[in-house]
Amino acid sequence: MAEPCPGLALRFQRRFLAARPLRSLPWPELEQSLRSAPDSALLADILHKTILHPLCVKYPPSAKYRRCFLTELIKKLESTAAEPLDELYEALADVLKEKEESTHCYKNYLLPSGDCVSLCESTALISGGTTGLLTWEAALHLAQWALQNPSLFRGRTILELGSGIGFTGIAICKSCQPRTFIFSDCHPRVLQQLGENLQLNGLTPEPDVTWSTQTESQGQEGEGQSCQTPKVMVAELDWGSVTEKQLLALRADVVIAADVVYDPEIILALIGMLQKLSTSRGDRKAPEVFIASTIRNPDTYQLFQAELDKAGIRWQVIPAHSSCNFLYDVQPDVTILQLFV
């Protein structure tokens, strides 16, 4: 009997648990492996690392996704001379018995540390009047870059703008040891889902506090102090109405954001908020600002850069790191800018 290929099964596992598009899974390599050694052992290994994995059992991707995945695995099996694999058909039968499709599903992102970020996401692109209920590509890219640069976040206070349902921030909290991480968004439904995902990952946000008490509590902590379990806060932050005093109270050392540059009106609000961030720092060092963007519309992205220039905010492109693609194949249209406010 041929030995199962552990590397191939793990590649399936990483992409399947995160519910990456099925076409991005290594099907050609599987076909080649089965042609050279038509044995159901490899398929059994893949099945146990995906559908039957404890994470999938507890926090499953959508029923449709699992159904399509199993159907494709069965096609690969039946195209070879390998012996039938009963548990593959049983797994498909179990998925087919499930009730009608839910509006939410889970995605599990395996981190290089061996830890995992599990998220409850919307199955719809737009849900509850917002696009913030699912994880976007730039958030994956920003998290991947952050985990390659942990010293930037270790022992520091991080403010994330437009946190959405929390992937980037949770990954940083689990891997980069920030002292304090402030998640922020302005949509009530997104903030609710964000809070649930924090709890899902063992992070308990500080109870609601006023801006003034945040200033006091933040100031009492040692600068540069590394923390295995960071202090986590969730702020309802409207870029248009937030005041300089409120931003100063957050005492952010680093500001990050992903996929927030997609609409001209939002760009202007973001630039205005960054200007407030610059003027509100008092005698503190200006925060380091990093914004990751998927360039869907070059005109919109160029507008962002032009408005930065107009506001006197210098910027530079952070070189892409392609050596560590632990989440997915990095998309070439995702760029990270460092801003100097």
C-alpha atoms as a PDB file:
ATOM      1  CA  MET A   1       0.000   0.000   0.000  1.00  0.00           C
ATOM      2  CA  ALA A   2       1.386   3.421  -0.935  1.00  0.00           C
ATOM      3  CA  GLU A   3       2.130   5.879   1.847  1.00  0.00           C
ATOM      4  CA  PRO A   4      -0.324   8.830   1.992  1.00  0.00           C
ATOM      5  CA  CYS A   5       1.261  12.169   1.094  1.00  0.00           C
ATOM      6  CA  PRO A   6       1.171  14.249   4.316  1.00  0.00           C
ATOM      7  CA  GLY A   7       2.225  17.492   2.611  1.00  0.00           C
ATOM      8  CA  LEU A   8      -0.642  17.341   0.120  1.00  0.00           C
ATOM      9  CA  ALA A   9      -3.232  16.473   2.775  1.00  0.00           C
ATOM     10  CA  LEU A  10      -2.084  19.404   4.929  1.00  0.00           C
ATOM     11  CA  ARG A  11      -2.393  21.795   1.984  1.00  0.00           C
ATOM     12  CA  PHE A  12      -5.963  20.612   1.505  1.00  0.00           C
ATOM     13  CA  GLN A  13      -6.562  21.026   5.239  1.00  0.00           C
ATOM     14  CA  ARG A  14      -5.314  24.620   5.438  1.00  0.00           C
ATOM     15  CA  ARG A  15      -7.405  25.797   2.504  1.00  0.00           C
ATOM     16  CA  PHE A  16     -10.500  23.724   3.299  1.00  0.00           C
ATOM     17  CA  LEU A  17     -10.796  24.794   6.954  1.00  0.00           C
ATOM     18  CA  ALA A  18     -10.566  28.450   5.852  1.00  0.00           C
ATOM     19  CA  ALA A  19     -13.189  27.725   3.149  1.00  0.00           C
ATOM     20  CA  ARG A  20     -10.914  29.092   0.439  1.00  0.00           C
ATOM     21  CA  PRO A  21     -12.421  28.868  -3.078  1.00  0.00           C
ATOM     22  CA  LEU A  22     -12.571  25.202  -4.065  1.00  0.00           C
ATOM     23  CA  ARG A  23     -10.703  25.916  -7.299  1.00  0.00           C
ATOM     24  CA  SER A  24      -7.686  27.019  -5.211  1.00  0.00           C
ATOM     25  CA  LEU A  25      -7.315  23.589  -3.598  1.00  0.00           C
ATOM     26  CA  PRO A  26      -4.494  21.385  -4.995  1.00  0.00           C
ATOM     27  CA  TRP A  27      -6.702  19.139  -7.148  1.00  0.00           C
ATOM     28  CA  PRO A  28      -4.145  18.705  -9.983  1.00  0.00           C
ATOM     29  CA  GLU A  29      -1.542  17.396  -7.515  1.00  0.00           C
ATOM     30  CA  LEU A  30      -4.122  14.994  -6.086  1.00  0.00           C
ATOM     31  CA  GLU A  31      -4.968  13.688  -9.550  1.00  0.00           C
ATOM     32  CA  GLN A  32      -1.294  13.186 -10.334  1.00  0.00           C
ATOM     33  CA  SER A  33      -0.711  11.362  -7.045  1.00  0.00           C
ATOM     34  CA  LEU A  34      -3.704   9.077  -7.622  1.00  0.00           C
ATOM     35  CA  ARG A  35      -2.566   8.319 -11.177  1.00  0.00           C
ATOM     36  CA  SER A  36       0.850   7.209  -9.971  1.00  0.00           C
ATOM     37  CA  ALA A  37      -0.533   5.293  -6.968  1.00  0.00           C
ATOM     38  CA  PRO A  38      -4.308   4.634  -7.146  1.00  0.00           C
ATOM     39  CA  ASP A  39      -4.867   4.125  -3.446  1.00  0.00           C
ATOM     40  CA  SER A  40      -7.744   5.374  -1.286  1.00  0.00           C
ATOM     41  CA  ALA A  41      -5.396   5.888   1.718  1.00  0.00           C
ATOM     42  CA  LEU A  42      -4.485   9.414   0.554  1.00  0.00           C
ATOM     43  CA  LEU A  43      -8.162  10.323   0.156  1.00  0.00           C
ATOM     44  CA  ALA A  44      -8.889   8.914   3.623  1.00  0.00           C
ATOM     45  CA  ASP A  45      -6.069  11.085   5.013  1.00  0.00           C
ATOM     46  CA  ILE A  46      -7.497  14.173   3.298  1.00  0.00           C
ATOM     47  CA  LEU A  47     -10.990  13.349   4.584  1.00  0.00           C
ATOM     48  CA  HIS A  48      -9.751  13.103   8.193  1.00  0.00           C
ATOM     49  CA  LYS A  49      -7.791  16.358   7.909  1.00  0.00           C
ATOM     50  CA  THR A  50     -10.799  18.248   6.486  1.00  0.00           C
ATOM     51  CA  ILE A  51     -14.413  17.111   6.881  1.00  0.00           C
ATOM     52  CA  LEU A  52     -13.699  14.901   9.905  1.00  0.00           C
ATOM     53  CA  HIS A  53     -11.214  17.284  11.541  1.00  0.00           C
ATOM     54  CA  PRO A  54     -12.369  18.384  15.045  1.00  0.00           C
ATOM     55  CA  LEU A  55     -12.348  22.064  13.966  1.00  0.00           C
ATOM     56  CA  CYS A  56     -14.666  21.303  11.033  1.00  0.00           C
ATOM     57  CA  VAL A  57     -16.957  19.260  13.262  1.00  0.00           C
ATOM     58  CA  LYS A  58     -17.192  22.094  15.821  1.00  0.00           C
ATOM     59  CA  TYR A  59     -17.059  25.109  13.464  1.00  0.00           C
ATOM     60  CA  PRO A  60     -18.069  23.847  10.006  1.00  0.00           C
ATOM     61  CA  PRO A  61     -17.834  25.732   6.706  1.00  0.00           C
ATOM     62  CA  SER A  62     -21.153  26.091   4.889  1.00  0.00           C
ATOM     63  CA  ALA A  63     -23.052  22.902   3.994  1.00  0.00           C
ATOM     64  CA  LYS A  64     -22.839  23.865   0.313  1.00  0.00           C
ATOM     65  CA  TYR A  65     -19.050  24.195   0.518  1.00  0.00           C
ATOM     66  CA  ARG A  66     -18.654  20.834   2.270  1.00  0.00           C
ATOM     67  CA  ARG A  67     -21.053  19.168  -0.179  1.00  0.00           C
ATOM     68  CA  CYS A  68     -19.146  20.449  -3.220  1.00  0.00           C
ATOM     69  CA  PHE A  69     -15.819  19.467  -1.654  1.00  0.00           C
ATOM     70  CA  LEU A  70     -16.945  15.908  -0.933  1.00  0.00           C
ATOM     71  CA  THR A  71     -18.504  15.547  -4.384  1.00  0.00           C
ATOM     72  CA  GLU A  72     -15.174  16.530  -5.956  1.00  0.00           C
ATOM     73  CA  LEU A  73     -13.240  14.101  -3.725  1.00  0.00           C
ATOM     74  CA  ILE A  74     -15.592  11.291  -4.727  1.00  0.00           C
ATOM     75  CA  LYS A  75     -15.073  12.146  -8.418  1.00  0.00           C
ATOM     76  CA  LYS A  76     -11.319  11.863  -7.943  1.00  0.00           C
ATOM     77  CA  LEU A  77     -11.744   8.498  -6.207  1.00  0.00           C
ATOM     78  CA  GLU A  78     -14.061   7.103  -8.876  1.00  0.00           C
ATOM     79  CA  SER A  79     -11.727   8.169 -11.670  1.00  0.00           C
ATOM     80  CA  THR A  80      -9.062   5.773 -10.346  1.00  0.00           C
ATOM     81  CA  ALA A  81      -8.789   2.050  -9.784  1.00  0.00           C
ATOM     82  CA  ALA A  82      -8.642   2.589  -6.019  1.00  0.00           C
ATOM     83  CA  GLU A  83     -10.947   0.672  -3.733  1.00  0.00           C
ATOM     84  CA  PRO A  84     -14.182   2.464  -2.717  1.00  0.00           C
ATOM     85  CA  LEU A  85     -13.966   4.483   0.498  1.00  0.00           C
ATOM     86  CA  ASP A  86     -17.187   3.988   2.459  1.00  0.00           C
ATOM     87  CA  GLU A  87     -16.583   6.820   4.936  1.00  0.00           C
ATOM     88  CA  LEU A  88     -16.333   9.297   2.039  1.00  0.00           C
ATOM     89  CA  TYR A  89     -19.861   8.425   0.898  1.00  0.00           C
ATOM     90  CA  GLU A  90     -21.084   8.375   4.504  1.00  0.00           C
ATOM     91  CA  ALA A  91     -19.699  11.869   5.066  1.00  0.00           C
ATOM     92  CA  LEU A  92     -21.541  13.162   1.987  1.00  0.00           C
ATOM     93  CA  ALA A  93     -24.771  11.482   3.162  1.00  0.00           C
ATOM     94  CA  ASP A  94     -24.422  13.239   6.539  1.00  0.00           C
ATOM     95  CA  VAL A  95     -24.006  16.653   4.880  1.00  0.00           C
ATOM     96  CA  LEU A  96     -26.988  16.047   2.606  1.00  0.00           C
ATOM     97  CA  LYS A  97     -29.149  15.327   5.686  1.00  0.00           C
ATOM     98  CA  GLU A  98     -28.462  18.764   7.165  1.00  0.00           C
ATOM     99  CA  LYS A  99     -31.203  21.371   7.285  1.00  0.00           C
ATOM    100  CA  GLU A 100     -31.437  24.135   4.725  1.00  0.00           C
ATOM    101  CA  GLU A 101     -28.500  26.474   4.314  1.00  0.00           C
ATOM    102  CA  SER A 102     -27.753  28.892   7.139  1.00  0.00           C
ATOM    103  CA  THR A 103     -26.996  32.576   6.555  1.00  0.00           C
ATOM    104  CA  HIS A 104     -23.762  32.099   8.518  1.00  0.00           C
ATOM    105  CA  CYS A 105     -20.881  29.653   8.420  1.00  0.00           C
ATOM    106  CA  TYR A 106     -17.484  29.220  10.042  1.00  0.00           C
ATOM    107  CA  LYS A 107     -13.974  29.637   8.699  1.00  0.00           C
ATOM    108  CA  ASN A 108     -10.910  28.375  10.547  1.00  0.00           C
ATOM    109  CA  TYR A 109      -7.536  29.913   9.741  1.00  0.00           C
ATOM    110  CA  LEU A 110      -4.524  27.877  10.910  1.00  0.00           C
ATOM    111  CA  LEU A 111      -1.632  30.084  12.045  1.00  0.00           C
ATOM    112  CA  PRO A 112       2.077  29.179  11.751  1.00  0.00           C
ATOM    113  CA  SER A 113       2.245  28.944  15.564  1.00  0.00           C
ATOM    114  CA  GLY A 114      -0.195  26.034  15.470  1.00  0.00           C
ATOM    115  CA  ASP A 115      -2.958  28.224  16.891  1.00  0.00           C
ATOM    116  CA  CYS A 116      -6.136  28.934  14.970  1.00  0.00           C
ATOM    117  CA  VAL A 117      -8.490  31.840  14.314  1.00  0.00           C
ATOM    118  CA  SER A 118     -12.104  30.649  14.068  1.00  0.00           C
ATOM    119  CA  LEU A 119     -14.667  33.096  12.719  1.00  0.00           C
ATOM    120  CA  CYS A 120     -18.399  33.110  12.227  1.00  0.00           C
ATOM    121  CA  GLU A 121     -19.012  34.861   8.893  1.00  0.00           C
ATOM    122  CA  SER A 122     -21.958  35.761   6.718  1.00  0.00           C
ATOM    123  CA  THR A 123     -22.435  33.579   3.639  1.00  0.00           C
ATOM    124  CA  ALA A 124     -23.646  36.652   1.700  1.00  0.00           C
ATOM    125  CA  LEU A 125     -21.424  39.357   0.228  1.00  0.00           C
ATOM    126  CA  ILE A 126     -23.764  42.029   1.605  1.00  0.00           C
ATOM    127  CA  SER A 127     -25.701  41.255   4.776  1.00  0.00           C
ATOM    128  CA  GLY A 128     -27.550  43.569   7.116  1.00  0.00           C
ATOM    129  CA  GLY A 129     -26.724  46.517   4.867  1.00  0.00           C
ATOM    130  CA  THR A 130     -22.958  46.043   5.218  1.00  0.00           C
ATOM    131  CA  THR A 131     -20.058  44.208   3.570  1.00  0.00           C
ATOM    132  CA  GLY A 132     -18.306  43.954   6.941  1.00  0.00           C
ATOM    133  CA  LEU A 133     -19.617  40.521   7.940  1.00  0.00           C
ATOM    134  CA  LEU A 134     -17.002  38.514   6.073  1.00  0.00           C
ATOM    135  CA  THR A 135     -13.211  38.477   5.802  1.00  0.00           C
ATOM    136  CA  TRP A 136     -11.708  40.255   2.797  1.00  0.00           C
ATOM    137  CA  GLU A 137      -8.458  39.423   0.989  1.00  0.00           C
ATOM    138  CA  ALA A 138      -6.544  42.476   2.245  1.00  0.00           C
ATOM    139  CA  ALA A 139      -7.215  41.399   5.842  1.00  0.00           C
ATOM    140  CA  LEU A 140      -5.524  38.055   5.125  1.00  0.00           C
ATOM    141  CA  HIS A 141      -2.594  39.824   3.483  1.00  0.00           C
ATOM    142  CA  LEU A 142      -2.203  42.309   6.363  1.00  0.00           C
ATOM    143  CA  ALA A 143      -2.302  39.517   8.962  1.00  0.00           C
ATOM    144  CA  GLN A 144       0.283  37.531   7.040  1.00  0.00           C
ATOM    145  CA  TRP A 145       2.567  40.576   6.897  1.00  0.00           C
ATOM    146  CA  ALA A 146       2.000  41.327  10.617  1.00  0.00           C
ATOM    147  CA  LEU A 147       2.932  37.791  11.633  1.00  0.00           C
ATOM    148  CA  GLN A 148       6.167  38.187   9.661  1.00  0.00           C
ATOM    149  CA  ASN A 149       6.876  41.421  11.587  1.00  0.00           C
ATOM    150  CA  PRO A 150       5.833  40.670  15.199  1.00  0.00           C
ATOM    151  CA  SER A 151       8.299  43.129  16.757  1.00  0.00           C
ATOM    152  CA  LEU A 152       6.259  46.005  15.320  1.00  0.00           C
ATOM    153  CA  PHE A 153       3.308  44.965  17.520  1.00  0.00           C
ATOM    154  CA  ARG A 154       4.911  43.336  20.577  1.00  0.00           C
ATOM    155  CA  GLY A 155       4.208  45.220  23.806  1.00  0.00           C
ATOM    156  CA  ARG A 156       2.474  48.098  22.010  1.00  0.00           C
ATOM    157  CA  THR A 157      -1.053  49.530  21.754  1.00  0.00           C
ATOM    158  CA  ILE A 158      -2.638  48.783  18.380  1.00  0.00           C
ATOM    159  CA  LEU A 159      -5.705  50.530  16.936  1.00  0.00           C
ATOM    160  CA  GLU A 160      -7.392  48.778  14.027  1.00  0.00           C
ATOM    161  CA  LEU A 161      -9.746  50.838  11.875  1.00  0.00           C
ATOM    162  CA  GLY A 162     -12.662  49.035  10.220  1.00  0.00           C
ATOM    163  CA  SER A 163     -11.968  45.773  12.045  1.00  0.00           C
ATOM    164  CA  GLY A 164     -14.957  44.015  10.487  1.00  0.00           C
ATOM    165  CA  ILE A 165     -15.458  40.600  12.063  1.00  0.00           C
ATOM    166  CA  GLY A 166     -11.959  40.558  13.504  1.00  0.00           C
ATOM    167  CA  PHE A 167      -9.604  38.261  11.591  1.00  0.00           C
ATOM    168  CA  THR A 168      -6.503  40.491  11.386  1.00  0.00           C
ATOM    169  CA  GLY A 169      -6.701  41.683  14.986  1.00  0.00           C
ATOM    170  CA  ILE A 170      -7.350  38.232  16.430  1.00  0.00           C
ATOM    171  CA  ALA A 171      -4.390  36.809  14.478  1.00  0.00           C
ATOM    172  CA  ILE A 172      -2.151  39.605  15.825  1.00  0.00           C
ATOM    173  CA  CYS A 173      -3.422  39.113  19.395  1.00  0.00           C
ATOM    174  CA  LYS A 174      -2.665  35.382  19.196  1.00  0.00           C
ATOM    175  CA  SER A 175       0.751  35.667  17.560  1.00  0.00           C
ATOM    176  CA  CYS A 176       2.373  39.090  18.108  1.00  0.00           C
ATOM    177  CA  GLN A 177       1.888  39.802  21.842  1.00  0.00           C
ATOM    178  CA  PRO A 178       0.579  43.379  21.730  1.00  0.00           C
ATOM    179  CA  ARG A 179      -0.027  45.040  25.113  1.00  0.00           C
ATOM    180  CA  THR A 180      -3.434  46.392  24.053  1.00  0.00           C
ATOM    181  CA  PHE A 181      -5.449  45.825  20.899  1.00  0.00           C
ATOM    182  CA  ILE A 182      -8.351  48.166  20.099  1.00  0.00           C
ATOM    183  CA  PHE A 183     -10.776  46.804  17.522  1.00  0.00           C
ATOM    184  CA  SER A 184     -13.020  49.464  15.972  1.00  0.00           C
ATOM    185  CA  ASP A 185     -15.874  49.744  13.507  1.00  0.00           C
ATOM    186  CA  CYS A 186     -18.989  51.861  13.131  1.00  0.00           C
ATOM    187  CA  HIS A 187     -21.695  49.381  12.065  1.00  0.00           C
ATOM    188  CA  PRO A 188     -23.717  47.938  14.992  1.00  0.00           C
ATOM    189  CA  ARG A 189     -24.233  44.537  13.345  1.00  0.00           C
ATOM    190  CA  VAL A 190     -20.519  44.253  12.576  1.00  0.00           C
ATOM    191  CA  LEU A 191     -19.592  45.208  16.151  1.00  0.00           C
ATOM    192  CA  GLN A 192     -21.970  42.548  17.480  1.00  0.00           C
ATOM    193  CA  GLN A 193     -20.448  39.837  15.262  1.00  0.00           C
ATOM    194  CA  LEU A 194     -16.951  41.056  16.120  1.00  0.00           C
ATOM    195  CA  GLY A 195     -17.693  40.658  19.841  1.00  0.00           C
ATOM    196  CA  GLU A 196     -18.961  37.116  19.279  1.00  0.00           C
ATOM    197  CA  ASN A 197     -15.843  36.189  17.297  1.00  0.00           C
ATOM    198  CA  LEU A 198     -13.564  37.560  20.015  1.00  0.00           C
ATOM    199  CA  GLN A 199     -15.305  35.328  22.568  1.00  0.00           C
ATOM    200  CA  LEU A 200     -15.067  32.405  20.131  1.00  0.00           C
ATOM    201  CA  ASN A 201     -11.283  32.837  20.166  1.00  0.00           C
ATOM    202  CA  GLY A 202     -10.917  33.191  23.924  1.00  0.00           C
ATOM    203  CA  LEU A 203     -10.522  36.981  23.909  1.00  0.00           C
ATOM    204  CA  THR A 204     -12.710  38.909  26.340  1.00  0.00           C
ATOM    205  CA  PRO A 205     -13.102  42.621  25.561  1.00  0.00           C
ATOM    206  CA  GLU A 206     -12.882  45.104  28.409  1.00  0.00           C
ATOM    207  CA  PRO A 207     -16.346  46.206  29.568  1.00  0.00           C
ATOM    208  CA  ASP A 208     -17.673  49.404  28.015  1.00  0.00           C
ATOM    209  CA  VAL A 209     -15.626  52.317  29.258  1.00  0.00           C
ATOM    210  CA  THR A 210     -15.688  56.020  28.582  1.00  0.00           C
ATOM    211  CA  TRP A 211     -12.950  57.717  26.568  1.00  0.00           C
ATOM    212  CA  SER A 212     -11.548  59.382  29.739  1.00  0.00           C
ATOM    213  CA  THR A 213     -11.207  56.132  31.678  1.00  0.00           C
ATOM    214  CA  GLN A 214      -9.480  54.578  28.689  1.00  0.00           C
ATOM    215  CA  THR A 215      -6.849  57.316  28.914  1.00  0.00           C
ATOM    216  CA  GLU A 216      -6.255  56.647  32.604  1.00  0.00           C
ATOM    217  CA  SER A 217      -6.103  52.863  32.348  1.00  0.00           C
ATOM    218  CA  GLN A 218      -3.870  52.891  29.270  1.00  0.00           C
ATOM    219  CA  GLY A 219      -1.420  55.312  30.878  1.00  0.00           C
ATOM    220  CA  GLN A 220      -0.870  53.084  33.905  1.00  0.00           C
ATOM    221  CA  GLU A 221       0.723  50.267  31.909  1.00  0.00           C
ATOM    222  CA  GLY A 222       4.439  49.857  31.253  1.00  0.00           C
ATOM    223  CA  GLU A 223       5.636  50.868  27.802  1.00  0.00           C
ATOM    224  CA  GLY A 224       6.931  48.005  25.690  1.00  0.00           C
ATOM    225  CA  GLN A 225       5.575  45.393  28.067  1.00  0.00           C
ATOM    226  CA  SER A 226       5.007  42.120  26.198  1.00  0.00           C
ATOM    227  CA  CYS A 227       1.761  40.350  26.973  1.00  0.00           C
ATOM    228  CA  GLN A 228       0.746  36.750  26.305  1.00  0.00           C
ATOM    229  CA  THR A 229      -2.909  37.735  26.707  1.00  0.00           C
ATOM    230  CA  PRO A 230      -3.333  41.328  25.518  1.00  0.00           C
ATOM    231  CA  LYS A 231      -5.914  43.707  26.838  1.00  0.00           C
ATOM    232  CA  VAL A 232      -8.668  43.803  24.210  1.00  0.00           C
ATOM    233  CA  MET A 233     -11.073  46.670  23.637  1.00  0.00           C
ATOM    234  CA  VAL A 234     -13.864  47.272  21.128  1.00  0.00           C
ATOM    235  CA  ALA A 235     -14.667  50.859  20.150  1.00  0.00           C
ATOM    236  CA  GLU A 236     -17.523  52.207  18.072  1.00  0.00           C
ATOM    237  CA  LEU A 237     -15.544  54.619  15.941  1.00  0.00           C
ATOM    238  CA  ASP A 238     -17.102  56.868  13.318  1.00  0.00           C
ATOM    239  CA  TRP A 239     -14.318  58.535  11.345  1.00  0.00           C
ATOM    240  CA  GLY A 240     -16.416  61.600  10.631  1.00  0.00           C
ATOM    241  CA  SER A 241     -17.492  62.361  14.190  1.00  0.00           C
ATOM    242  CA  VAL A 242     -14.587  61.112  16.310  1.00  0.00           C
ATOM    243  CA  THR A 243     -12.772  63.962  18.074  1.00  0.00           C
ATOM    244  CA  GLU A 244      -9.062  64.591  18.473  1.00  0.00           C
ATOM    245  CA  LYS A 245      -9.473  64.200  22.242  1.00  0.00           C
ATOM    246  CA  GLN A 246     -11.047  60.764  21.812  1.00  0.00           C
ATOM    247  CA  LEU A 247      -8.251  59.627  19.503  1.00  0.00           C
ATOM    248  CA  LEU A 248      -5.626  60.902  21.947  1.00  0.00           C
ATOM    249  CA  ALA A 249      -7.308  58.865  24.693  1.00  0.00           C
ATOM    250  CA  LEU A 250      -6.679  55.663  22.732  1.00  0.00           C
ATOM    251  CA  ARG A 251      -2.890  56.260  22.918  1.00  0.00           C
ATOM    252  CA  ALA A 252      -2.221  54.119  19.842  1.00  0.00           C
ATOM    253  CA  ASP A 253       1.371  53.269  18.936  1.00  0.00           C
ATOM    254  CA  VAL A 254       0.372  51.528  15.697  1.00  0.00           C
ATOM    255  CA  VAL A 255      -2.719  52.015  13.515  1.00  0.00           C
ATOM    256  CA  ILE A 256      -3.719  49.391  10.951  1.00  0.00           C
ATOM    257  CA  ALA A 257      -6.599  48.929   8.511  1.00  0.00           C
ATOM    258  CA  ALA A 258      -7.504  46.554   5.687  1.00  0.00           C
ATOM    259  CA  ASP A 259      -9.834  47.041   2.723  1.00  0.00           C
ATOM    260  CA  VAL A 260     -11.033  50.483   3.811  1.00  0.00           C
ATOM    261  CA  VAL A 261     -10.141  52.271   0.544  1.00  0.00           C
ATOM    262  CA  TYR A 262     -12.967  51.343  -1.805  1.00  0.00           C
ATOM    263  CA  ASP A 263     -15.229  54.406  -2.049  1.00  0.00           C
ATOM    264  CA  PRO A 264     -14.381  58.109  -2.642  1.00  0.00           C
ATOM    265  CA  GLU A 265     -16.583  59.294   0.250  1.00  0.00           C
ATOM    266  CA  ILE A 266     -14.995  56.819   2.663  1.00  0.00           C
ATOM    267  CA  ILE A 267     -11.529  57.889   1.484  1.00  0.00           C
ATOM    268  CA  LEU A 268     -12.232  61.519   2.412  1.00  0.00           C
ATOM    269  CA  ALA A 269     -13.530  60.496   5.860  1.00  0.00           C
ATOM    270  CA  LEU A 270     -10.460  58.309   6.391  1.00  0.00           C
ATOM    271  CA  ILE A 271      -8.078  61.119   5.399  1.00  0.00           C
ATOM    272  CA  GLY A 272      -9.895  63.475   7.799  1.00  0.00           C
ATOM    273  CA  MET A 273      -9.566  60.953  10.611  1.00  0.00           C
ATOM    274  CA  LEU A 274      -5.853  60.487   9.890  1.00  0.00           C
ATOM    275  CA  GLN A 275      -5.381  64.257  10.070  1.00  0.00           C
ATOM    276  CA  LYS A 276      -7.102  64.281  13.478  1.00  0.00           C
ATOM    277  CA  LEU A 277      -4.817  61.433  14.528  1.00  0.00           C
ATOM    278  CA  SER A 278      -1.808  63.531  13.530  1.00  0.00           C
ATOM    279  CA  THR A 279      -2.874  66.696  15.362  1.00  0.00           C
ATOM    280  CA  SER A 280      -4.149  64.865  18.469  1.00  0.00           C
ATOM    281  CA  ARG A 281      -0.938  63.155  19.518  1.00  0.00           C
ATOM    282  CA  GLY A 282       0.256  65.995  21.796  1.00  0.00           C
ATOM    283  CA  ASP A 283       3.804  65.279  22.932  1.00  0.00           C
ATOM    284  CA  ARG A 284       3.544  61.596  22.016  1.00  0.00           C
ATOM    285  CA  LYS A 285       5.393  60.079  19.088  1.00  0.00           C
ATOM    286  CA  ALA A 286       3.198  59.833  15.992  1.00  0.00           C
ATOM    287  CA  PRO A 287       1.686  56.362  15.554  1.00  0.00           C
ATOM    288  CA  GLU A 288       2.936  54.113  12.778  1.00  0.00           C
ATOM    289  CA  VAL A 289       0.138  53.640  10.239  1.00  0.00           C
ATOM    290  CA  PHE A 290      -0.259  50.724   7.813  1.00  0.00           C
ATOM    291  CA  ILE A 291      -3.162  50.315   5.392  1.00  0.00           C
ATOM    292  CA  ALA A 292      -3.669  47.216   3.226  1.00  0.00           C
ATOM    293  CA  SER A 293      -5.835  47.527   0.133  1.00  0.00           C
ATOM    294  CA  THR A 294      -7.114  45.264  -2.593  1.00  0.00           C
ATOM    295  CA  ILE A 295      -6.851  47.358  -5.741  1.00  0.00           C
ATOM    296  CA  ARG A 296     -10.171  46.614  -7.427  1.00  0.00           C
ATOM    297  CA  ASN A 297     -10.490  50.015  -9.071  1.00  0.00           C
ATOM    298  CA  PRO A 298      -7.143  51.709  -9.876  1.00  0.00           C
ATOM    299  CA  ASP A 299      -8.867  55.114 -10.148  1.00  0.00           C
ATOM    300  CA  THR A 300     -10.187  54.865  -6.582  1.00  0.00           C
ATOM    301  CA  TYR A 301      -6.793  53.809  -5.259  1.00  0.00           C
ATOM    302  CA  GLN A 302      -5.042  56.621  -7.119  1.00  0.00           C
ATOM    303  CA  LEU A 303      -7.587  59.037  -5.608  1.00  0.00           C
ATOM    304  CA  PHE A 304      -6.576  57.797  -2.155  1.00  0.00           C
ATOM    305  CA  GLN A 305      -2.899  58.441  -2.905  1.00  0.00           C
ATOM    306  CA  ALA A 306      -3.714  61.878  -4.377  1.00  0.00           C
ATOM    307  CA  GLU A 307      -5.754  62.844  -1.302  1.00  0.00           C
ATOM    308  CA  LEU A 308      -2.906  61.717   0.956  1.00  0.00           C
ATOM    309  CA  ASP A 309      -0.557  63.978  -1.008  1.00  0.00           C
ATOM    310  CA  LYS A 310      -3.038  66.854  -0.808  1.00  0.00           C
ATOM    311  CA  ALA A 311      -3.307  66.421   2.981  1.00  0.00           C
ATOM    312  CA  GLY A 312       0.477  66.376   3.327  1.00  0.00           C
ATOM    313  CA  ILE A 313       0.548  62.768   4.521  1.00  0.00           C
ATOM    314  CA  ARG A 314       3.643  61.037   3.171  1.00  0.00           C
ATOM    315  CA  TRP A 315       3.376  57.379   2.191  1.00  0.00           C
ATOM    316  CA  GLN A 316       5.453  54.483   0.913  1.00  0.00           C
ATOM    317  CA  VAL A 317       4.648  51.013  -0.388  1.00  0.00           C
ATOM    318  CA  ILE A 318       5.703  48.152   1.878  1.00  0.00           C
ATOM    319  CA  PRO A 319       7.482  45.494  -0.232  1.00  0.00           C
ATOM    320  CA  ALA A 320       5.514  42.267  -0.572  1.00  0.00           C
ATOM    321  CA  HIS A 321       6.821  39.189   1.245  1.00  0.00           C
ATOM    322  CA  SER A 322       6.037  36.065  -0.740  1.00  0.00           C
ATOM    323  CA  SER A 323       8.145  33.630   1.279  1.00  0.00           C
ATOM    324  CA  CYS A 324       5.403  32.756   3.758  1.00  0.00           C
ATOM    325  CA  ASN A 325       1.968  32.119   2.275  1.00  0.00           C
ATOM    326  CA  PHE A 326       0.479  30.293   5.223  1.00  0.00           C
ATOM    327  CA  LEU A 327      -3.073  31.370   4.495  1.00  0.00           C
ATOM    328  CA  TYR A 328      -3.460  31.428   0.758  1.00  0.00           C
ATOM    329  CA  ASP A 329      -1.693  32.254  -2.499  1.00  0.00           C
ATOM    330  CA  VAL A 330      -1.020  35.969  -2.141  1.00  0.00           C
ATOM    331  CA  GLN A 331      -3.015  38.034  -4.580  1.00  0.00           C
ATOM    332  CA  PRO A 332      -0.845  40.437  -6.605  1.00  0.00           C
ATOM    333  CA  ASP A 333      -3.442  43.224  -6.340  1.00  0.00           C
ATOM    334  CA  VAL A 334      -3.110  43.637  -2.544  1.00  0.00           C
ATOM    335  CA  THR A 335      -0.792  46.467  -1.439  1.00  0.00           C
ATOM    336  CA  ILE A 336       0.251  47.742   1.996  1.00  0.00           C
ATOM    337  CA  LEU A 337       1.039  51.431   2.419  1.00  0.00           C
ATOM    338  CA  GLN A 338       2.879  52.903   5.367  1.00  0.00           C
ATOM    339  CA  LEU A 339       1.614  56.421   6.131  1.00  0.00           C
ATOM    340  CA  PHE A 340       3.565  59.099   7.976  1.00  0.00           C
ATOM    341  CA  VAL A 341       1.027  61.233   9.867  1.00  0.00           C
END
